[in-house]
PDB file of N, CA and C in Angstrom:
ATOM      1  N   UNK A   1       0.841  -1.164   0.002  1.00  0.00           N
ATOM      2  CA  UNK A   1       0.018  -0.030  -0.010  1.00  0.00           C
ATOM      3  C   UNK A   1       0.896   1.238  -0.002  1.00  0.00           C
ATOM      4  N   UNK A   2       0.399   2.221  -0.679  1.00  0.00           N
ATOM      5  CA  UNK A   2       1.174   3.506  -0.765  1.00  0.00           C
ATOM      6  C   UNK A   2       0.322   4.658  -0.365  1.00  0.00           C
ATOM      7  N   UNK A   3       0.976   5.641   0.170  1.00  0.00           N
ATOM      8  CA  UNK A   3       0.300   6.898   0.471  1.00  0.00           C
ATOM      9  C   UNK A   3       0.245   7.676  -0.831  1.00  0.00           C
ATOM     10  N   UNK A   4      -0.533   8.730  -0.861  1.00  0.00           N
ATOM     11  CA  UNK A   4      -0.615   9.576  -2.064  1.00  0.00           C
ATOM     12  C   UNK A   4       0.735  10.251  -2.331  1.00  0.00           C
ATOM     13  N   UNK A   5       1.429  10.614  -1.244  1.00  0.00           N
ATOM     14  CA  UNK A   5       2.738  11.258  -1.370  1.00  0.00           C
ATOM     15  C   UNK A   5       3.779  10.297  -1.997  1.00  0.00           C
ATOM     16  N   UNK A   6       3.734   9.038  -1.564  1.00  0.00           N
ATOM     17  CA  UNK A   6       4.641   8.008  -2.078  1.00  0.00           C
ATOM     18  C   UNK A   6       4.366   7.738  -3.533  1.00  0.00           C
ATOM     19  N   UNK A   7       3.089   7.686  -3.864  1.00  0.00           N
ATOM     20  CA  UNK A   7       2.682   7.488  -5.248  1.00  0.00           C
ATOM     21  C   UNK A   7       3.097   8.651  -6.115  1.00  0.00           C
ATOM     22  N   UNK A   8       2.960   9.878  -5.614  1.00  0.00           N
ATOM     23  CA  UNK A   8       3.371  11.075  -6.336  1.00  0.00           C
ATOM     24  C   UNK A   8       4.861  11.044  -6.573  1.00  0.00           C
ATOM     25  N   UNK A   9       5.668  10.643  -5.571  1.00  0.00           N
ATOM     26  CA  UNK A   9       7.111  10.576  -5.771  1.00  0.00           C
ATOM     27  C   UNK A   9       7.466   9.510  -6.806  1.00  0.00           C
ATOM     28  N   UNK A  10       6.780   8.383  -6.766  1.00  0.00           N
ATOM     29  CA  UNK A  10       7.055   7.353  -7.767  1.00  0.00           C
ATOM     30  C   UNK A  10       6.699   7.854  -9.172  1.00  0.00           C
ATOM     31  N   UNK A  11       5.577   8.512  -9.298  1.00  0.00           N
ATOM     32  CA  UNK A  11       5.134   9.092 -10.593  1.00  0.00           C
ATOM     33  C   UNK A  11       6.174  10.057 -11.092  1.00  0.00           C
ATOM     34  N   UNK A  12       6.649  10.962 -10.173  1.00  0.00           N
ATOM     35  CA  UNK A  12       7.602  12.003 -10.589  1.00  0.00           C
ATOM     36  C   UNK A  12       8.875  11.352 -11.042  1.00  0.00           C
ATOM     37  N   UNK A  13       9.309  10.272 -10.434  1.00  0.00           N
ATOM     38  CA  UNK A  13      10.502   9.573 -10.875  1.00  0.00           C
ATOM     39  C   UNK A  13      10.322   8.971 -12.236  1.00  0.00           C
ATOM     40  N   UNK A  14       9.126   8.409 -12.492  1.00  0.00           N
ATOM     41  CA  UNK A  14       8.868   7.795 -13.791  1.00  0.00           C
ATOM     42  C   UNK A  14       8.743   8.834 -14.912  1.00  0.00           C
ATOM     43  N   UNK A  15       8.258  10.007 -14.548  1.00  0.00           N
ATOM     44  CA  UNK A  15       8.005  11.079 -15.527  1.00  0.00           C
ATOM     45  C   UNK A  15       9.335  11.773 -15.813  1.00  0.00           C
ATOM     46  N   UNK A  16      10.153  11.136 -16.572  1.00  0.00           N
ATOM     47  CA  UNK A  16      11.562  11.596 -16.794  1.00  0.00           C
ATOM     48  C   UNK A  16      11.626  12.872 -17.612  1.00  0.00           C
ATOM     49  N   UNK A  17      10.645  13.121 -18.456  1.00  0.00           N
ATOM     50  CA  UNK A  17      10.688  14.356 -19.255  1.00  0.00           C
ATOM     51  C   UNK A  17       9.887  15.499 -18.593  1.00  0.00           C
ATOM     52  N   UNK A  18       9.273  15.250 -17.430  1.00  0.00           N
ATOM     53  CA  UNK A  18       8.606  16.294 -16.664  1.00  0.00           C
ATOM     54  C   UNK A  18       7.396  16.901 -17.299  1.00  0.00           C
ATOM     55  N   UNK A  19       6.707  16.118 -18.192  1.00  0.00           N
ATOM     56  CA  UNK A  19       5.534  16.688 -18.866  1.00  0.00           C
ATOM     57  C   UNK A  19       4.217  16.410 -18.105  1.00  0.00           C
ATOM     58  N   UNK A  20       4.306  15.811 -16.948  1.00  0.00           N
ATOM     59  CA  UNK A  20       3.084  15.574 -16.136  1.00  0.00           C
ATOM     60  C   UNK A  20       2.364  14.305 -16.526  1.00  0.00           C
ATOM     61  N   UNK A  21       2.974  13.508 -17.391  1.00  0.00           N
ATOM     62  CA  UNK A  21       2.410  12.248 -17.842  1.00  0.00           C
ATOM     63  C   UNK A  21       3.504  11.187 -17.871  1.00  0.00           C
ATOM     64  N   UNK A  22       3.119   9.952 -17.669  1.00  0.00           N
ATOM     65  CA  UNK A  22       4.079   8.853 -17.787  1.00  0.00           C
ATOM     66  C   UNK A  22       3.705   8.074 -19.055  1.00  0.00           C
ATOM     67  N   UNK A  23       4.646   8.010 -19.946  1.00  0.00           N
ATOM     68  CA  UNK A  23       4.353   7.301 -21.220  1.00  0.00           C
ATOM     69  C   UNK A  23       4.760   5.829 -21.155  1.00  0.00           C
ATOM     70  N   UNK A  24       4.345   5.105 -22.170  1.00  0.00           N
ATOM     71  CA  UNK A  24       4.699   3.738 -22.268  1.00  0.00           C
ATOM     72  C   UNK A  24       6.195   3.548 -22.252  1.00  0.00           C
ATOM     73  N   UNK A  25       6.946   4.429 -22.965  1.00  0.00           N
ATOM     74  CA  UNK A  25       8.396   4.333 -22.993  1.00  0.00           C
ATOM     75  C   UNK A  25       8.983   4.546 -21.618  1.00  0.00           C
ATOM     76  N   UNK A  26       8.468   5.498 -20.897  1.00  0.00           N
ATOM     77  CA  UNK A  26       8.975   5.802 -19.540  1.00  0.00           C
ATOM     78  C   UNK A  26       8.725   4.592 -18.614  1.00  0.00           C
ATOM     79  N   UNK A  27       7.559   3.925 -18.807  1.00  0.00           N
ATOM     80  CA  UNK A  27       7.267   2.733 -17.984  1.00  0.00           C
ATOM     81  C   UNK A  27       8.272   1.602 -18.279  1.00  0.00           C
ATOM     82  N   UNK A  28       8.557   1.405 -19.581  1.00  0.00           N
ATOM     83  CA  UNK A  28       9.484   0.350 -20.009  1.00  0.00           C
ATOM     84  C   UNK A  28      10.927   0.643 -19.637  1.00  0.00           C
ATOM     85  N   UNK A  29      11.302   1.906 -19.529  1.00  0.00           N
ATOM     86  CA  UNK A  29      12.676   2.270 -19.170  1.00  0.00           C
ATOM     87  C   UNK A  29      12.975   2.131 -17.712  1.00  0.00           C
ATOM     88  N   UNK A  30      11.907   1.935 -16.904  1.00  0.00           N
ATOM     89  CA  UNK A  30      12.095   1.800 -15.466  1.00  0.00           C
ATOM     90  C   UNK A  30      11.416   0.533 -15.004  1.00  0.00           C
ATOM     91  N   UNK A  31      11.934  -0.668 -15.372  1.00  0.00           N
ATOM     92  CA  UNK A  31      11.230  -1.893 -15.000  1.00  0.00           C
ATOM     93  C   UNK A  31      11.019  -2.115 -13.528  1.00  0.00           C
ATOM     94  N   UNK A  32      11.946  -1.673 -12.727  1.00  0.00           N
ATOM     95  CA  UNK A  32      11.744  -1.834 -11.252  1.00  0.00           C
ATOM     96  C   UNK A  32      10.604  -0.979 -10.743  1.00  0.00           C
ATOM     97  N   UNK A  33      10.501   0.245 -11.215  1.00  0.00           N
ATOM     98  CA  UNK A  33       9.422   1.099 -10.807  1.00  0.00           C
ATOM     99  C   UNK A  33       8.082   0.645 -11.402  1.00  0.00           C
ATOM    100  N   UNK A  34       8.115   0.112 -12.636  1.00  0.00           N
ATOM    101  CA  UNK A  34       6.953  -0.412 -13.236  1.00  0.00           C
ATOM    102  C   UNK A  34       6.405  -1.629 -12.435  1.00  0.00           C
ATOM    103  N   UNK A  35       7.333  -2.417 -11.875  1.00  0.00           N
ATOM    104  CA  UNK A  35       6.924  -3.537 -11.036  1.00  0.00           C
ATOM    105  C   UNK A  35       6.188  -3.077  -9.821  1.00  0.00           C
ATOM    106  N   UNK A  36       6.639  -1.967  -9.208  1.00  0.00           N
ATOM    107  CA  UNK A  36       5.969  -1.377  -8.048  1.00  0.00           C
ATOM    108  C   UNK A  36       4.550  -0.951  -8.425  1.00  0.00           C
ATOM    109  N   UNK A  37       4.409  -0.310  -9.596  1.00  0.00           N
ATOM    110  CA  UNK A  37       3.088   0.099 -10.045  1.00  0.00           C
ATOM    111  C   UNK A  37       2.193  -1.114 -10.244  1.00  0.00           C
ATOM    112  N   UNK A  38       2.770  -2.164 -10.809  1.00  0.00           N
ATOM    113  CA  UNK A  38       1.990  -3.368 -11.031  1.00  0.00           C
ATOM    114  C   UNK A  38       1.484  -3.966  -9.721  1.00  0.00           C
ATOM    115  N   UNK A  39       2.346  -3.950  -8.706  1.00  0.00           N
ATOM    116  CA  UNK A  39       1.933  -4.543  -7.411  1.00  0.00           C
ATOM    117  C   UNK A  39       0.894  -3.626  -6.760  1.00  0.00           C
ATOM    118  N   UNK A  40       0.970  -2.327  -6.961  1.00  0.00           N
ATOM    119  CA  UNK A  40      -0.037  -1.426  -6.366  1.00  0.00           C
ATOM    120  C   UNK A  40      -1.382  -1.413  -7.109  1.00  0.00           C
ATOM    121  N   UNK A  41      -1.368  -1.681  -8.396  1.00  0.00           N
ATOM    122  CA  UNK A  41      -2.581  -1.605  -9.169  1.00  0.00           C
ATOM    123  C   UNK A  41      -3.164  -2.976  -9.432  1.00  0.00           C
ATOM    124  N   UNK A  42      -2.362  -4.032  -9.348  1.00  0.00           N
ATOM    125  CA  UNK A  42      -2.847  -5.376  -9.716  1.00  0.00           C
ATOM    126  C   UNK A  42      -2.856  -5.570 -11.188  1.00  0.00           C
ATOM    127  N   UNK A  43      -2.307  -4.653 -11.944  1.00  0.00           N
ATOM    128  CA  UNK A  43      -2.273  -4.749 -13.433  1.00  0.00           C
ATOM    129  C   UNK A  43      -0.868  -5.129 -13.838  1.00  0.00           C
ATOM    130  N   UNK A  44      -0.731  -6.121 -14.646  1.00  0.00           N
ATOM    131  CA  UNK A  44       0.583  -6.736 -14.874  1.00  0.00           C
ATOM    132  C   UNK A  44       1.405  -6.066 -15.993  1.00  0.00           C
ATOM    133  N   UNK A  45       0.740  -5.350 -16.901  1.00  0.00           N
ATOM    134  CA  UNK A  45       1.529  -4.763 -18.042  1.00  0.00           C
ATOM    135  C   UNK A  45       1.250  -3.283 -18.205  1.00  0.00           C
ATOM    136  N   UNK A  46       2.220  -2.514 -18.632  1.00  0.00           N
ATOM    137  CA  UNK A  46       1.973  -1.100 -18.934  1.00  0.00           C
ATOM    138  C   UNK A  46       0.881  -0.895 -19.969  1.00  0.00           C
ATOM    139  N   UNK A  47       0.805  -1.781 -20.941  1.00  0.00           N
ATOM    140  CA  UNK A  47      -0.172  -1.629 -21.979  1.00  0.00           C
ATOM    141  C   UNK A  47      -1.620  -1.691 -21.349  1.00  0.00           C
ATOM    142  N   UNK A  48      -1.804  -2.722 -20.479  1.00  0.00           N
ATOM    143  CA  UNK A  48      -3.091  -2.867 -19.829  1.00  0.00           C
ATOM    144  C   UNK A  48      -3.442  -1.663 -18.962  1.00  0.00           C
ATOM    145  N   UNK A  49      -2.440  -1.173 -18.210  1.00  0.00           N
ATOM    146  CA  UNK A  49      -2.672   0.006 -17.372  1.00  0.00           C
ATOM    147  C   UNK A  49      -3.148   1.192 -18.213  1.00  0.00           C
ATOM    148  N   UNK A  50      -2.459   1.438 -19.335  1.00  0.00           N
ATOM    149  CA  UNK A  50      -2.831   2.579 -20.149  1.00  0.00           C
ATOM    150  C   UNK A  50      -4.153   2.336 -20.837  1.00  0.00           C
ATOM    151  N   UNK A  51      -4.424   1.150 -21.294  1.00  0.00           N
ATOM    152  CA  UNK A  51      -5.734   0.882 -21.959  1.00  0.00           C
ATOM    153  C   UNK A  51      -6.881   1.056 -20.989  1.00  0.00           C
ATOM    154  N   UNK A  52      -6.706   0.669 -19.768  1.00  0.00           N
ATOM    155  CA  UNK A  52      -7.804   0.788 -18.731  1.00  0.00           C
ATOM    156  C   UNK A  52      -7.987   2.183 -18.226  1.00  0.00           C
ATOM    157  N   UNK A  53      -6.894   2.906 -18.010  1.00  0.00           N
ATOM    158  CA  UNK A  53      -7.006   4.142 -17.218  1.00  0.00           C
ATOM    159  C   UNK A  53      -6.630   5.456 -17.930  1.00  0.00           C
ATOM    160  N   UNK A  54      -5.915   5.359 -19.074  1.00  0.00           N
ATOM    161  CA  UNK A  54      -5.559   6.586 -19.751  1.00  0.00           C
ATOM    162  C   UNK A  54      -6.772   7.120 -20.479  1.00  0.00           C
ATOM    163  N   UNK A  55      -7.074   8.385 -20.271  1.00  0.00           N
ATOM    164  CA  UNK A  55      -8.294   8.943 -20.847  1.00  0.00           C
ATOM    165  C   UNK A  55      -8.038   9.510 -22.265  1.00  0.00           C
ATOM    166  N   UNK A  56      -6.798   9.621 -22.621  1.00  0.00           N
ATOM    167  CA  UNK A  56      -6.480  10.132 -23.971  1.00  0.00           C
ATOM    168  C   UNK A  56      -5.822   9.003 -24.773  1.00  0.00           C
ATOM    169  N   UNK A  57      -5.532   9.299 -26.015  1.00  0.00           N
ATOM    170  CA  UNK A  57      -5.001   8.287 -26.857  1.00  0.00           C
ATOM    171  C   UNK A  57      -3.506   8.523 -27.169  1.00  0.00           C
ATOM    172  N   UNK A  58      -2.798   9.278 -26.291  1.00  0.00           N
ATOM    173  CA  UNK A  58      -1.413   9.604 -26.553  1.00  0.00           C
ATOM    174  C   UNK A  58      -0.410   8.592 -25.953  1.00  0.00           C
ATOM    175  N   UNK A  59      -0.919   7.513 -25.384  1.00  0.00           N
ATOM    176  CA  UNK A  59      -0.074   6.479 -24.814  1.00  0.00           C
ATOM    177  C   UNK A  59       0.597   6.843 -23.529  1.00  0.00           C
ATOM    178  N   UNK A  60      -0.084   7.677 -22.732  1.00  0.00           N
ATOM    179  CA  UNK A  60       0.475   8.050 -21.442  1.00  0.00           C
ATOM    180  C   UNK A  60      -0.640   8.172 -20.410  1.00  0.00           C
ATOM    181  N   UNK A  61      -0.197   8.214 -19.129  1.00  0.00           N
ATOM    182  CA  UNK A  61      -1.139   8.273 -18.037  1.00  0.00           C
ATOM    183  C   UNK A  61      -0.753   9.406 -17.100  1.00  0.00           C
ATOM    184  N   UNK A  62      -1.732  10.131 -16.585  1.00  0.00           N
ATOM    185  CA  UNK A  62      -1.501  11.242 -15.662  1.00  0.00           C
ATOM    186  C   UNK A  62      -1.423  10.712 -14.232  1.00  0.00           C
ATOM    187  N   UNK A  63      -0.994  11.542 -13.303  1.00  0.00           N
ATOM    188  CA  UNK A  63      -1.006  11.124 -11.906  1.00  0.00           C
ATOM    189  C   UNK A  63      -2.404  10.812 -11.444  1.00  0.00           C
ATOM    190  N   UNK A  64      -3.367  11.612 -11.750  1.00  0.00           N
ATOM    191  CA  UNK A  64      -4.732  11.373 -11.327  1.00  0.00           C
ATOM    192  C   UNK A  64      -5.232  10.011 -11.856  1.00  0.00           C
ATOM    193  N   UNK A  65      -4.923   9.655 -13.057  1.00  0.00           N
ATOM    194  CA  UNK A  65      -5.325   8.366 -13.598  1.00  0.00           C
ATOM    195  C   UNK A  65      -4.634   7.221 -12.906  1.00  0.00           C
ATOM    196  N   UNK A  66      -3.356   7.387 -12.612  1.00  0.00           N
ATOM    197  CA  UNK A  66      -2.620   6.380 -11.874  1.00  0.00           C
ATOM    198  C   UNK A  66      -3.201   6.243 -10.453  1.00  0.00           C
ATOM    199  N   UNK A  67      -3.522   7.368  -9.837  1.00  0.00           N
ATOM    200  CA  UNK A  67      -4.092   7.292  -8.454  1.00  0.00           C
ATOM    201  C   UNK A  67      -5.459   6.573  -8.517  1.00  0.00           C
ATOM    202  N   UNK A  68      -6.228   6.794  -9.543  1.00  0.00           N
ATOM    203  CA  UNK A  68      -7.519   6.095  -9.703  1.00  0.00           C
ATOM    204  C   UNK A  68      -7.291   4.582  -9.768  1.00  0.00           C
ATOM    205  N   UNK A  69      -6.272   4.167 -10.524  1.00  0.00           N
ATOM    206  CA  UNK A  69      -5.967   2.719 -10.643  1.00  0.00           C
ATOM    207  C   UNK A  69      -5.591   2.112  -9.298  1.00  0.00           C
ATOM    208  N   UNK A  70      -4.747   2.839  -8.531  1.00  0.00           N
ATOM    209  CA  UNK A  70      -4.312   2.310  -7.233  1.00  0.00           C
ATOM    210  C   UNK A  70      -5.486   2.325  -6.262  1.00  0.00           C
ATOM    211  N   UNK A  71      -6.317   3.323  -6.319  1.00  0.00           N
ATOM    212  CA  UNK A  71      -7.508   3.359  -5.441  1.00  0.00           C
ATOM    213  C   UNK A  71      -8.437   2.151  -5.784  1.00  0.00           C
ATOM    214  N   UNK A  72      -8.643   1.919  -7.035  1.00  0.00           N
ATOM    215  CA  UNK A  72      -9.524   0.777  -7.452  1.00  0.00           C
ATOM    216  C   UNK A  72      -8.969  -0.546  -6.923  1.00  0.00           C
ATOM    217  N   UNK A  73      -7.662  -0.697  -6.847  1.00  0.00           N
ATOM    218  CA  UNK A  73      -7.049  -1.899  -6.310  1.00  0.00           C
ATOM    219  C   UNK A  73      -7.028  -1.872  -4.790  1.00  0.00           C
ATOM    220  N   UNK A  74      -7.557  -0.809  -4.201  1.00  0.00           N
ATOM    221  CA  UNK A  74      -7.647  -0.640  -2.768  1.00  0.00           C
ATOM    222  C   UNK A  74      -6.280  -0.636  -2.069  1.00  0.00           C
ATOM    223  N   UNK A  75      -5.329   0.024  -2.750  1.00  0.00           N
ATOM    224  CA  UNK A  75      -3.946   0.068  -2.239  1.00  0.00           C
ATOM    225  C   UNK A  75      -3.486   1.479  -1.898  1.00  0.00           C
ATOM    226  N   UNK A  76      -4.352   2.442  -1.812  1.00  0.00           N
ATOM    227  CA  UNK A  76      -3.965   3.793  -1.496  1.00  0.00           C
ATOM    228  C   UNK A  76      -4.366   4.084  -0.045  1.00  0.00           C
ATOM    229  N   UNK A  77      -3.372   4.510   0.743  1.00  0.00           N
ATOM    230  CA  UNK A  77      -3.693   4.763   2.140  1.00  0.00           C
ATOM    231  C   UNK A  77      -3.714   6.256   2.383  1.00  0.00           C
TER     232      UNK A  77
END
């Protein structure tokens, strides 16, 4: 389980270009951090995470969308 602050720190680390979104490439470039996201969301692949929670078609997810995924898995404290 993660706090919102821990999740934000993880998101910021993954968001290497600082655009406020985590792309598929950023997820694949950080396999260790992607594994943490998988454990927090219960979703095993970046593609599945993006297809379920990304509201746009640009292949990226915002912090709010990631937070929604973690909440749905009941792992946000």
